[in-house]
Amino acid sequence: PYAVCGYKGAQFRGAYEGGSTLTGAGITVAITDAYASTTMAADASTYAATNGDAPYASGQYTQVVAPKFTNTHLCDPAGWSGEQTLDVEAVHAMAQGANIRYYGAASCLDADLLDSLGQVVDEDKAQVVTNSWGDLDANETADSIAAYEQVFLQGALQGISFLFSSGDNGDELANSGTVQTDYPASDPYVTAVGGTSTAIGSSNALS
């Protein structure tokens, strides 16, 4: 019942971008997740070819990963590989001319994800950072939030936008017993994305 409808990139581009000629060319989109799929480049190329998206140009996809992966017993690296794959393929489907730079954190723990976000800001190669991970607001400490916001504010000064998924569990009541949002999506210095239902007609327009 929760399976996606199977829309392709051309349908999403038509629905959300209309007749725009913008392709994302000249822009670098950074993606942060934990770990890294060993077959990401090949998988993304196959997805693009199968679904009618533009092929990747040489150097259009790059990745920076932690020198050592840790906490694999806690974080399910295989699950994160699926998340990385979805993120990379979705970004290319919507912005076929954009460069994609993937940052693979050492683990799914806050400290490691923060390291990757900090590296994005330090390198200053991306204009947009998209992230489809988060945790319950209740699980974040004041110190953790302060550390995240230091990165977000530094990025803002450099002209970097941060986007975060609003989460897979709505208001989290069924998941946690308490109505709450997810963090970092709830942070005032980022843009939360999600919580929508999309119906696309035969003309590739929202219906």
N, C-alpha and C. Protein backbone atom coordinates (compact mmCIF):
# COMPACT_ATOMS: atom_id res chain seq x y z
N PRO A 1 0.81 -1.23 0.00
CA PRO A 1 0.00 0.00 0.00
C PRO A 1 0.84 1.27 0.00
N TYR A 2 2.10 1.18 0.38
CA TYR A 2 2.94 2.37 0.41
C TYR A 2 3.88 2.46 -0.78
N ALA A 3 3.77 1.54 -1.73
CA ALA A 3 4.67 1.53 -2.88
C ALA A 3 4.49 2.79 -3.72
N VAL A 4 5.60 3.28 -4.27
CA VAL A 4 5.51 4.48 -5.11
C VAL A 4 4.76 4.17 -6.39
N CYS A 5 4.27 5.22 -7.04
CA CYS A 5 3.45 5.04 -8.24
C CYS A 5 4.29 4.68 -9.45
N GLY A 6 5.58 4.85 -9.39
CA GLY A 6 6.41 4.49 -10.52
C GLY A 6 6.58 5.60 -11.54
N TYR A 7 6.42 6.84 -11.12
CA TYR A 7 6.65 7.95 -12.05
C TYR A 7 8.12 8.00 -12.45
N LYS A 8 8.36 8.46 -13.67
CA LYS A 8 9.71 8.62 -14.16
C LYS A 8 10.15 10.08 -14.08
N GLY A 9 11.46 10.29 -14.30
CA GLY A 9 12.00 11.63 -14.19
C GLY A 9 11.30 12.64 -15.08
N ALA A 10 10.99 12.26 -16.31
CA ALA A 10 10.33 13.19 -17.23
C ALA A 10 8.98 13.65 -16.69
N GLN A 11 8.28 12.75 -16.02
CA GLN A 11 6.98 13.11 -15.45
C GLN A 11 7.15 14.10 -14.29
N PHE A 12 8.12 13.83 -13.42
CA PHE A 12 8.36 14.76 -12.32
C PHE A 12 8.85 16.11 -12.82
N ARG A 13 9.73 16.10 -13.81
CA ARG A 13 10.21 17.37 -14.35
C ARG A 13 9.06 18.16 -14.95
N GLY A 14 8.18 17.50 -15.68
CA GLY A 14 7.04 18.19 -16.25
C GLY A 14 6.11 18.74 -15.19
N ALA A 15 5.89 17.96 -14.15
CA ALA A 15 4.94 18.37 -13.11
C ALA A 15 5.47 19.52 -12.26
N TYR A 16 6.74 19.48 -11.92
CA TYR A 16 7.29 20.46 -10.99
C TYR A 16 8.09 21.57 -11.65
N GLU A 17 8.53 21.36 -12.88
CA GLU A 17 9.33 22.38 -13.55
C GLU A 17 8.63 22.99 -14.76
N GLY A 18 7.52 22.41 -15.18
CA GLY A 18 6.77 22.95 -16.32
C GLY A 18 7.63 23.00 -17.56
N GLY A 19 7.61 24.13 -18.24
CA GLY A 19 8.36 24.27 -19.48
C GLY A 19 9.75 24.86 -19.27
N SER A 20 10.26 24.83 -18.06
CA SER A 20 11.55 25.44 -17.78
C SER A 20 12.66 24.77 -18.60
N THR A 21 13.60 25.60 -19.05
CA THR A 21 14.77 25.07 -19.76
C THR A 21 15.95 24.88 -18.82
N LEU A 22 15.76 25.18 -17.53
CA LEU A 22 16.83 25.01 -16.56
C LEU A 22 17.08 23.52 -16.32
N THR A 23 18.33 23.15 -16.27
CA THR A 23 18.70 21.74 -16.08
C THR A 23 19.54 21.51 -14.84
N GLY A 24 19.91 22.58 -14.16
CA GLY A 24 20.84 22.44 -13.04
C GLY A 24 22.29 22.59 -13.47
N ALA A 25 22.53 22.82 -14.74
CA ALA A 25 23.91 22.98 -15.22
C ALA A 25 24.60 24.12 -14.47
N GLY A 26 25.84 23.87 -14.08
CA GLY A 26 26.60 24.87 -13.34
C GLY A 26 26.41 24.81 -11.84
N ILE A 27 25.53 23.93 -11.38
CA ILE A 27 25.24 23.79 -9.96
C ILE A 27 25.76 22.43 -9.49
N THR A 28 26.26 22.38 -8.26
CA THR A 28 26.62 21.12 -7.63
C THR A 28 25.69 20.86 -6.46
N VAL A 29 25.07 19.70 -6.47
CA VAL A 29 24.20 19.27 -5.38
C VAL A 29 24.96 18.24 -4.55
N ALA A 30 25.11 18.51 -3.27
CA ALA A 30 25.74 17.56 -2.36
C ALA A 30 24.67 16.70 -1.70
N ILE A 31 25.00 15.45 -1.50
CA ILE A 31 24.13 14.51 -0.80
C ILE A 31 24.92 13.92 0.35
N THR A 32 24.35 13.94 1.56
CA THR A 32 25.02 13.27 2.67
C THR A 32 24.17 12.09 3.13
N ASP A 33 24.82 10.98 3.35
CA ASP A 33 24.24 9.77 3.92
C ASP A 33 25.35 9.07 4.68
N ALA A 34 25.04 7.94 5.26
CA ALA A 34 26.08 7.13 5.90
C ALA A 34 26.56 6.05 4.93
N TYR A 35 27.86 5.72 5.03
CA TYR A 35 28.46 4.65 4.23
C TYR A 35 28.42 5.00 2.73
N ALA A 36 28.64 3.99 1.89
CA ALA A 36 28.66 4.25 0.45
C ALA A 36 28.46 2.95 -0.30
N SER A 37 27.58 2.97 -1.27
CA SER A 37 27.37 1.82 -2.14
C SER A 37 28.56 1.65 -3.08
N THR A 38 29.04 0.44 -3.22
CA THR A 38 30.19 0.18 -4.10
C THR A 38 29.80 0.16 -5.57
N THR A 39 28.50 0.14 -5.86
CA THR A 39 28.04 0.07 -7.26
C THR A 39 27.24 1.31 -7.66
N MET A 40 27.41 2.40 -6.91
CA MET A 40 26.54 3.55 -7.10
C MET A 40 26.61 4.12 -8.51
N ALA A 41 27.80 4.37 -9.02
CA ALA A 41 27.92 5.00 -10.34
C ALA A 41 27.27 4.14 -11.42
N ALA A 42 27.52 2.85 -11.39
CA ALA A 42 26.93 1.95 -12.39
C ALA A 42 25.43 1.86 -12.24
N ASP A 43 24.95 1.79 -11.00
CA ASP A 43 23.51 1.71 -10.76
C ASP A 43 22.80 2.97 -11.25
N ALA A 44 23.38 4.13 -10.96
CA ALA A 44 22.77 5.39 -11.38
C ALA A 44 22.72 5.50 -12.90
N SER A 45 23.78 5.06 -13.56
CA SER A 45 23.80 5.09 -15.02
C SER A 45 22.75 4.17 -15.62
N THR A 46 22.60 3.00 -15.02
CA THR A 46 21.59 2.05 -15.49
C THR A 46 20.19 2.62 -15.31
N TYR A 47 19.95 3.22 -14.15
CA TYR A 47 18.64 3.82 -13.89
C TYR A 47 18.32 4.91 -14.91
N ALA A 48 19.29 5.77 -15.17
CA ALA A 48 19.06 6.87 -16.12
C ALA A 48 18.75 6.32 -17.51
N ALA A 49 19.52 5.34 -17.95
CA ALA A 49 19.30 4.77 -19.28
C ALA A 49 17.96 4.06 -19.38
N THR A 50 17.58 3.37 -18.32
CA THR A 50 16.34 2.60 -18.33
C THR A 50 15.11 3.50 -18.33
N ASN A 51 15.23 4.67 -17.68
CA ASN A 51 14.06 5.52 -17.48
C ASN A 51 14.05 6.78 -18.32
N GLY A 52 14.93 6.86 -19.31
CA GLY A 52 14.88 7.97 -20.25
C GLY A 52 15.50 9.26 -19.78
N ASP A 53 16.34 9.21 -18.74
CA ASP A 53 17.04 10.41 -18.29
C ASP A 53 18.36 10.55 -19.04
N ALA A 54 18.92 11.74 -19.02
CA ALA A 54 20.18 11.99 -19.71
C ALA A 54 21.30 11.16 -19.08
N PRO A 55 22.23 10.67 -19.88
CA PRO A 55 23.36 9.95 -19.30
C PRO A 55 24.24 10.89 -18.49
N TYR A 56 24.99 10.33 -17.57
CA TYR A 56 25.92 11.12 -16.76
C TYR A 56 27.14 11.49 -17.61
N ALA A 57 27.50 12.75 -17.55
CA ALA A 57 28.74 13.18 -18.20
C ALA A 57 29.93 12.74 -17.35
N SER A 58 31.09 12.69 -17.97
CA SER A 58 32.29 12.33 -17.24
C SER A 58 32.51 13.30 -16.08
N GLY A 59 32.69 12.78 -14.89
CA GLY A 59 32.93 13.61 -13.72
C GLY A 59 31.69 14.23 -13.11
N GLN A 60 30.53 13.95 -13.67
CA GLN A 60 29.31 14.58 -13.15
C GLN A 60 28.94 14.03 -11.77
N TYR A 61 29.27 12.76 -11.52
CA TYR A 61 29.04 12.17 -10.19
C TYR A 61 30.38 11.90 -9.53
N THR A 62 30.58 12.44 -8.35
CA THR A 62 31.78 12.17 -7.56
C THR A 62 31.37 11.85 -6.14
N GLN A 63 32.27 11.24 -5.39
CA GLN A 63 31.94 10.96 -4.01
C GLN A 63 33.16 11.09 -3.11
N VAL A 64 32.88 11.47 -1.87
CA VAL A 64 33.88 11.60 -0.83
C VAL A 64 33.38 10.77 0.35
N VAL A 65 34.13 9.77 0.75
CA VAL A 65 33.66 8.89 1.81
C VAL A 65 34.66 8.88 2.96
N ALA A 66 34.15 8.57 4.13
CA ALA A 66 35.00 8.48 5.31
C ALA A 66 36.08 7.42 5.11
N PRO A 67 37.26 7.63 5.67
CA PRO A 67 38.34 6.65 5.48
C PRO A 67 38.04 5.29 6.10
N LYS A 68 37.15 5.25 7.09
CA LYS A 68 36.79 3.99 7.73
C LYS A 68 35.33 4.05 8.17
N PHE A 69 34.59 2.99 7.88
CA PHE A 69 33.19 2.91 8.31
C PHE A 69 33.11 2.21 9.67
N THR A 70 32.22 2.72 10.52
CA THR A 70 32.10 2.22 11.89
C THR A 70 30.63 1.99 12.24
N ASN A 71 30.42 1.38 13.41
CA ASN A 71 29.06 1.18 13.96
C ASN A 71 28.13 0.48 12.97
N THR A 72 28.66 -0.43 12.19
CA THR A 72 27.84 -1.12 11.19
C THR A 72 26.77 -1.98 11.85
N HIS A 73 27.00 -2.44 13.07
CA HIS A 73 26.00 -3.26 13.77
C HIS A 73 24.80 -2.44 14.20
N LEU A 74 24.95 -1.13 14.26
CA LEU A 74 23.85 -0.25 14.67
C LEU A 74 23.11 0.36 13.48
N CYS A 75 23.80 0.51 12.37
CA CYS A 75 23.32 1.43 11.32
C CYS A 75 22.82 0.79 10.03
N ASP A 76 22.98 -0.51 9.84
CA ASP A 76 22.48 -1.19 8.64
C ASP A 76 23.03 -0.54 7.35
N PRO A 77 24.31 -0.77 7.05
CA PRO A 77 24.90 -0.17 5.84
C PRO A 77 24.13 -0.49 4.56
N ALA A 78 23.57 -1.70 4.45
CA ALA A 78 22.83 -2.05 3.23
C ALA A 78 21.61 -1.14 3.06
N GLY A 79 20.94 -0.85 4.15
CA GLY A 79 19.80 0.06 4.09
C GLY A 79 20.20 1.46 3.65
N TRP A 80 21.36 1.91 4.12
CA TRP A 80 21.85 3.22 3.72
C TRP A 80 22.26 3.24 2.25
N SER A 81 22.73 2.11 1.73
CA SER A 81 23.04 2.05 0.30
C SER A 81 21.79 2.29 -0.54
N GLY A 82 20.67 1.73 -0.10
CA GLY A 82 19.41 1.98 -0.79
C GLY A 82 19.03 3.44 -0.73
N GLU A 83 19.26 4.08 0.42
CA GLU A 83 18.95 5.50 0.58
C GLU A 83 19.83 6.34 -0.34
N GLN A 84 21.11 6.03 -0.37
CA GLN A 84 22.03 6.75 -1.26
C GLN A 84 21.59 6.61 -2.71
N THR A 85 21.24 5.40 -3.11
CA THR A 85 20.84 5.16 -4.49
C THR A 85 19.62 5.98 -4.86
N LEU A 86 18.63 5.97 -3.99
CA LEU A 86 17.42 6.76 -4.23
C LEU A 86 17.74 8.24 -4.36
N ASP A 87 18.59 8.73 -3.46
CA ASP A 87 18.91 10.16 -3.46
C ASP A 87 19.63 10.57 -4.74
N VAL A 88 20.65 9.81 -5.11
CA VAL A 88 21.43 10.16 -6.30
C VAL A 88 20.56 10.11 -7.54
N GLU A 89 19.79 9.05 -7.70
CA GLU A 89 18.97 8.91 -8.90
C GLU A 89 17.89 9.97 -8.97
N ALA A 90 17.32 10.35 -7.82
CA ALA A 90 16.27 11.38 -7.82
C ALA A 90 16.83 12.75 -8.17
N VAL A 91 18.00 13.08 -7.64
CA VAL A 91 18.60 14.38 -7.95
C VAL A 91 18.90 14.47 -9.45
N HIS A 92 19.47 13.43 -10.02
CA HIS A 92 19.79 13.47 -11.45
C HIS A 92 18.52 13.52 -12.29
N ALA A 93 17.49 12.82 -11.86
CA ALA A 93 16.23 12.83 -12.62
C ALA A 93 15.62 14.22 -12.66
N MET A 94 15.76 15.00 -11.60
CA MET A 94 15.16 16.33 -11.55
C MET A 94 16.08 17.42 -12.10
N ALA A 95 17.40 17.23 -11.99
CA ALA A 95 18.36 18.24 -12.44
C ALA A 95 19.45 17.54 -13.22
N GLN A 96 19.14 17.22 -14.47
CA GLN A 96 20.03 16.34 -15.23
C GLN A 96 21.37 16.95 -15.58
N GLY A 97 21.47 18.27 -15.49
CA GLY A 97 22.73 18.93 -15.80
C GLY A 97 23.58 19.23 -14.58
N ALA A 98 23.03 18.99 -13.39
CA ALA A 98 23.75 19.32 -12.16
C ALA A 98 24.83 18.28 -11.86
N ASN A 99 25.91 18.74 -11.27
CA ASN A 99 26.89 17.82 -10.72
C ASN A 99 26.38 17.31 -9.37
N ILE A 100 26.68 16.06 -9.08
CA ILE A 100 26.27 15.45 -7.81
C ILE A 100 27.54 15.02 -7.08
N ARG A 101 27.66 15.46 -5.85
CA ARG A 101 28.82 15.10 -5.02
C ARG A 101 28.31 14.42 -3.76
N TYR A 102 28.61 13.15 -3.63
CA TYR A 102 28.10 12.36 -2.50
C TYR A 102 29.13 12.30 -1.37
N TYR A 103 28.64 12.54 -0.15
CA TYR A 103 29.48 12.48 1.04
C TYR A 103 28.99 11.33 1.92
N GLY A 104 29.82 10.30 2.07
CA GLY A 104 29.45 9.14 2.85
C GLY A 104 30.07 9.20 4.24
N ALA A 105 29.23 9.37 5.25
CA ALA A 105 29.71 9.47 6.63
C ALA A 105 30.18 8.11 7.14
N ALA A 106 30.99 8.13 8.18
CA ALA A 106 31.54 6.90 8.76
C ALA A 106 30.47 6.02 9.36
N SER A 107 29.37 6.63 9.82
CA SER A 107 28.26 5.86 10.39
C SER A 107 27.03 6.74 10.41
N CYS A 108 25.95 6.21 10.97
CA CYS A 108 24.70 6.97 11.02
C CYS A 108 24.57 7.81 12.29
N LEU A 109 25.58 7.83 13.13
CA LEU A 109 25.52 8.61 14.36
C LEU A 109 25.69 10.11 14.06
N ASP A 110 25.10 10.93 14.92
CA ASP A 110 25.11 12.38 14.70
C ASP A 110 26.51 12.92 14.47
N ALA A 111 27.47 12.49 15.26
CA ALA A 111 28.82 13.05 15.15
C ALA A 111 29.39 12.80 13.76
N ASP A 112 29.15 11.62 13.21
CA ASP A 112 29.69 11.30 11.89
C ASP A 112 28.94 12.02 10.78
N LEU A 113 27.62 12.10 10.88
CA LEU A 113 26.86 12.85 9.88
C LEU A 113 27.23 14.32 9.92
N LEU A 114 27.47 14.85 11.12
CA LEU A 114 27.91 16.24 11.26
C LEU A 114 29.27 16.45 10.60
N ASP A 115 30.15 15.46 10.73
CA ASP A 115 31.46 15.56 10.08
C ASP A 115 31.29 15.71 8.56
N SER A 116 30.38 14.93 7.99
CA SER A 116 30.17 15.01 6.55
C SER A 116 29.57 16.35 6.14
N LEU A 117 28.60 16.83 6.90
CA LEU A 117 28.03 18.15 6.60
C LEU A 117 29.09 19.24 6.73
N GLY A 118 29.93 19.10 7.76
CA GLY A 118 31.01 20.06 7.93
C GLY A 118 31.99 20.03 6.78
N GLN A 119 32.24 18.84 6.24
CA GLN A 119 33.14 18.72 5.10
C GLN A 119 32.54 19.39 3.86
N VAL A 120 31.23 19.26 3.70
CA VAL A 120 30.56 19.94 2.58
C VAL A 120 30.81 21.45 2.67
N VAL A 121 30.63 22.00 3.85
CA VAL A 121 30.80 23.44 4.04
C VAL A 121 32.27 23.83 3.87
N ASP A 122 33.18 23.03 4.42
CA ASP A 122 34.60 23.35 4.32
C ASP A 122 35.08 23.33 2.88
N GLU A 123 34.62 22.34 2.11
CA GLU A 123 35.05 22.26 0.71
C GLU A 123 34.42 23.36 -0.14
N ASP A 124 33.18 23.75 0.21
CA ASP A 124 32.48 24.84 -0.47
C ASP A 124 32.38 24.60 -1.97
N LYS A 125 32.06 23.38 -2.35
CA LYS A 125 31.90 23.04 -3.76
C LYS A 125 30.44 22.98 -4.19
N ALA A 126 29.52 22.85 -3.23
CA ALA A 126 28.10 22.66 -3.54
C ALA A 126 27.30 23.92 -3.20
N GLN A 127 26.24 24.13 -3.96
CA GLN A 127 25.31 25.23 -3.67
C GLN A 127 24.05 24.75 -2.96
N VAL A 128 23.76 23.46 -3.10
CA VAL A 128 22.58 22.86 -2.47
C VAL A 128 23.03 21.56 -1.81
N VAL A 129 22.53 21.31 -0.61
CA VAL A 129 22.79 20.05 0.09
C VAL A 129 21.45 19.39 0.39
N THR A 130 21.26 18.17 -0.10
CA THR A 130 20.00 17.47 0.13
C THR A 130 20.27 16.23 0.98
N ASN A 131 19.40 16.02 1.96
CA ASN A 131 19.61 14.96 2.94
C ASN A 131 18.29 14.28 3.25
N SER A 132 18.23 12.96 3.13
CA SER A 132 16.96 12.27 3.42
C SER A 132 17.11 11.41 4.66
N TRP A 133 17.60 12.01 5.72
CA TRP A 133 17.73 11.31 7.00
C TRP A 133 17.38 12.27 8.12
N GLY A 134 17.14 11.71 9.29
CA GLY A 134 16.82 12.51 10.47
C GLY A 134 16.43 11.61 11.62
N ASP A 135 16.11 12.22 12.73
CA ASP A 135 15.72 11.48 13.93
C ASP A 135 14.63 12.26 14.64
N LEU A 136 13.99 11.63 15.61
CA LEU A 136 12.96 12.29 16.39
C LEU A 136 13.51 13.54 17.06
N ASP A 137 12.72 14.59 17.09
CA ASP A 137 13.13 15.79 17.81
C ASP A 137 13.53 15.48 19.24
N ALA A 138 12.79 14.58 19.87
CA ALA A 138 13.03 14.28 21.28
C ALA A 138 14.39 13.65 21.52
N ASN A 139 14.99 13.11 20.50
CA ASN A 139 16.28 12.44 20.66
C ASN A 139 17.47 13.38 20.54
N GLU A 140 17.22 14.62 20.17
CA GLU A 140 18.31 15.57 19.98
C GLU A 140 18.60 16.36 21.26
N THR A 141 19.86 16.54 21.55
CA THR A 141 20.27 17.34 22.70
C THR A 141 20.51 18.78 22.26
N ALA A 142 20.56 19.68 23.23
CA ALA A 142 20.85 21.08 22.92
C ALA A 142 22.23 21.23 22.28
N ASP A 143 23.19 20.45 22.75
CA ASP A 143 24.53 20.52 22.20
C ASP A 143 24.55 20.05 20.74
N SER A 144 23.81 18.98 20.46
CA SER A 144 23.75 18.46 19.10
C SER A 144 23.12 19.48 18.16
N ILE A 145 22.03 20.07 18.59
CA ILE A 145 21.36 21.09 17.76
C ILE A 145 22.29 22.28 17.52
N ALA A 146 23.01 22.69 18.55
CA ALA A 146 23.93 23.82 18.39
C ALA A 146 25.02 23.49 17.37
N ALA A 147 25.49 22.25 17.38
CA ALA A 147 26.53 21.85 16.43
C ALA A 147 25.99 21.84 15.00
N TYR A 148 24.78 21.31 14.82
CA TYR A 148 24.17 21.33 13.49
C TYR A 148 23.98 22.77 13.01
N GLU A 149 23.47 23.62 13.87
CA GLU A 149 23.16 24.99 13.45
C GLU A 149 24.43 25.78 13.13
N GLN A 150 25.53 25.44 13.76
CA GLN A 150 26.78 26.10 13.40
C GLN A 150 27.13 25.80 11.95
N VAL A 151 26.92 24.55 11.53
CA VAL A 151 27.17 24.17 10.14
C VAL A 151 26.19 24.87 9.20
N PHE A 152 24.91 24.86 9.56
CA PHE A 152 23.89 25.47 8.70
C PHE A 152 24.14 26.97 8.52
N LEU A 153 24.49 27.65 9.58
CA LEU A 153 24.71 29.10 9.49
C LEU A 153 25.97 29.41 8.70
N GLN A 154 27.02 28.63 8.91
CA GLN A 154 28.23 28.83 8.11
C GLN A 154 27.93 28.62 6.64
N GLY A 155 27.18 27.55 6.34
CA GLY A 155 26.80 27.30 4.96
C GLY A 155 25.98 28.43 4.37
N ALA A 156 25.06 28.96 5.15
CA ALA A 156 24.23 30.07 4.67
C ALA A 156 25.09 31.27 4.30
N LEU A 157 26.10 31.56 5.10
CA LEU A 157 27.00 32.67 4.80
C LEU A 157 27.74 32.45 3.48
N GLN A 158 27.92 31.18 3.13
CA GLN A 158 28.61 30.84 1.88
C GLN A 158 27.64 30.66 0.71
N GLY A 159 26.35 30.84 0.96
CA GLY A 159 25.36 30.70 -0.10
C GLY A 159 24.90 29.28 -0.34
N ILE A 160 25.02 28.41 0.66
CA ILE A 160 24.63 27.01 0.54
C ILE A 160 23.26 26.80 1.17
N SER A 161 22.36 26.14 0.45
CA SER A 161 21.03 25.82 0.96
C SER A 161 21.01 24.37 1.44
N PHE A 162 20.35 24.13 2.58
CA PHE A 162 20.24 22.79 3.15
C PHE A 162 18.79 22.32 3.12
N LEU A 163 18.55 21.18 2.52
CA LEU A 163 17.23 20.58 2.44
C LEU A 163 17.25 19.25 3.19
N PHE A 164 16.19 18.99 3.98
CA PHE A 164 16.09 17.73 4.71
C PHE A 164 14.71 17.12 4.53
N SER A 165 14.68 15.81 4.41
CA SER A 165 13.42 15.08 4.36
C SER A 165 12.63 15.28 5.65
N SER A 166 11.33 15.48 5.52
CA SER A 166 10.49 15.63 6.70
C SER A 166 10.23 14.30 7.40
N GLY A 167 10.63 13.19 6.78
CA GLY A 167 10.54 11.89 7.45
C GLY A 167 9.50 10.98 6.85
N ASP A 168 9.57 9.72 7.24
CA ASP A 168 8.70 8.68 6.69
C ASP A 168 7.47 8.40 7.55
N ASN A 169 7.37 9.02 8.73
CA ASN A 169 6.36 8.60 9.70
C ASN A 169 5.40 9.71 10.13
N GLY A 170 5.17 10.67 9.25
CA GLY A 170 4.18 11.71 9.54
C GLY A 170 4.48 12.45 10.82
N ASP A 171 3.48 12.53 11.71
CA ASP A 171 3.66 13.27 12.96
C ASP A 171 4.33 12.44 14.05
N GLU A 172 4.80 11.24 13.70
CA GLU A 172 5.57 10.35 14.58
C GLU A 172 4.76 9.78 15.75
N LEU A 173 3.44 10.03 15.79
CA LEU A 173 2.64 9.54 16.90
C LEU A 173 2.65 8.02 16.96
N ALA A 174 2.42 7.37 15.82
CA ALA A 174 2.39 5.90 15.81
C ALA A 174 3.76 5.32 16.07
N ASN A 175 4.79 6.05 15.66
CA ASN A 175 6.16 5.55 15.78
C ASN A 175 6.74 5.75 17.17
N SER A 176 6.37 6.85 17.83
CA SER A 176 7.01 7.20 19.10
C SER A 176 6.06 7.38 20.27
N GLY A 177 4.75 7.47 19.98
CA GLY A 177 3.78 7.73 21.04
C GLY A 177 3.59 9.20 21.34
N THR A 178 4.33 10.05 20.65
CA THR A 178 4.26 11.50 20.87
C THR A 178 4.21 12.21 19.52
N VAL A 179 3.33 13.20 19.40
CA VAL A 179 3.29 14.00 18.18
C VAL A 179 4.52 14.91 18.17
N GLN A 180 5.34 14.77 17.13
CA GLN A 180 6.55 15.58 17.03
C GLN A 180 7.08 15.54 15.61
N THR A 181 7.97 16.46 15.32
CA THR A 181 8.62 16.48 14.01
C THR A 181 9.95 15.74 14.08
N ASP A 182 10.63 15.69 12.95
CA ASP A 182 11.96 15.10 12.89
C ASP A 182 13.01 16.21 12.82
N TYR A 183 14.18 15.91 13.30
CA TYR A 183 15.31 16.82 13.22
C TYR A 183 16.39 16.19 12.34
N PRO A 184 17.04 16.93 11.48
CA PRO A 184 17.13 18.39 11.36
C PRO A 184 16.03 19.08 10.53
N ALA A 185 15.05 18.33 10.01
CA ALA A 185 14.03 18.97 9.17
C ALA A 185 13.32 20.11 9.90
N SER A 186 13.19 20.00 11.22
CA SER A 186 12.47 21.01 11.99
C SER A 186 13.32 22.24 12.31
N ASP A 187 14.59 22.21 11.98
CA ASP A 187 15.46 23.34 12.32
C ASP A 187 15.08 24.56 11.47
N PRO A 188 15.05 25.75 12.07
CA PRO A 188 14.65 26.95 11.32
C PRO A 188 15.65 27.36 10.24
N TYR A 189 16.84 26.79 10.25
CA TYR A 189 17.85 27.18 9.27
C TYR A 189 17.96 26.22 8.09
N VAL A 190 17.01 25.29 7.97
CA VAL A 190 16.97 24.39 6.81
C VAL A 190 15.56 24.42 6.21
N THR A 191 15.43 23.83 5.04
CA THR A 191 14.13 23.68 4.40
C THR A 191 13.70 22.23 4.49
N ALA A 192 12.53 21.98 5.08
CA ALA A 192 11.98 20.63 5.15
C ALA A 192 11.22 20.33 3.87
N VAL A 193 11.42 19.13 3.36
CA VAL A 193 10.80 18.73 2.09
C VAL A 193 10.07 17.41 2.32
N GLY A 194 8.81 17.35 1.89
CA GLY A 194 8.09 16.08 2.00
C GLY A 194 6.66 16.30 2.45
N GLY A 195 6.01 15.20 2.77
CA GLY A 195 4.64 15.27 3.24
C GLY A 195 3.63 15.60 2.17
N THR A 196 3.91 15.24 0.92
CA THR A 196 3.00 15.55 -0.18
C THR A 196 2.56 14.28 -0.90
N SER A 197 1.44 14.37 -1.57
CA SER A 197 0.99 13.31 -2.46
C SER A 197 0.90 13.90 -3.86
N THR A 198 1.40 13.17 -4.83
CA THR A 198 1.50 13.70 -6.18
C THR A 198 0.73 12.83 -7.16
N ALA A 199 -0.15 13.46 -7.93
CA ALA A 199 -0.82 12.78 -9.04
C ALA A 199 -0.45 13.50 -10.31
N ILE A 200 0.17 12.80 -11.25
CA ILE A 200 0.64 13.40 -12.49
C ILE A 200 -0.15 12.82 -13.65
N GLY A 201 -0.72 13.70 -14.45
CA GLY A 201 -1.54 13.27 -15.57
C GLY A 201 -0.73 12.90 -16.80
N SER A 202 -1.44 12.54 -17.86
CA SER A 202 -0.78 12.07 -19.08
C SER A 202 0.02 13.16 -19.78
N SER A 203 -0.26 14.43 -19.46
CA SER A 203 0.50 15.53 -20.05
C SER A 203 1.67 15.96 -19.19
N ASN A 204 1.98 15.13 -18.19
CA ASN A 204 3.08 15.41 -17.25
C ASN A 204 2.84 16.68 -16.44
N ALA A 205 1.60 16.93 -16.10
CA ALA A 205 1.25 18.05 -15.24
C ALA A 205 0.56 17.51 -13.99
N LEU A 206 0.66 18.28 -12.91
CA LEU A 206 -0.04 17.88 -11.68
C LEU A 206 -1.53 17.86 -11.94
N SER A 207 -2.19 16.82 -11.45
CA SER A 207 -3.63 16.71 -11.69
C SER A 207 -4.36 16.45 -10.38
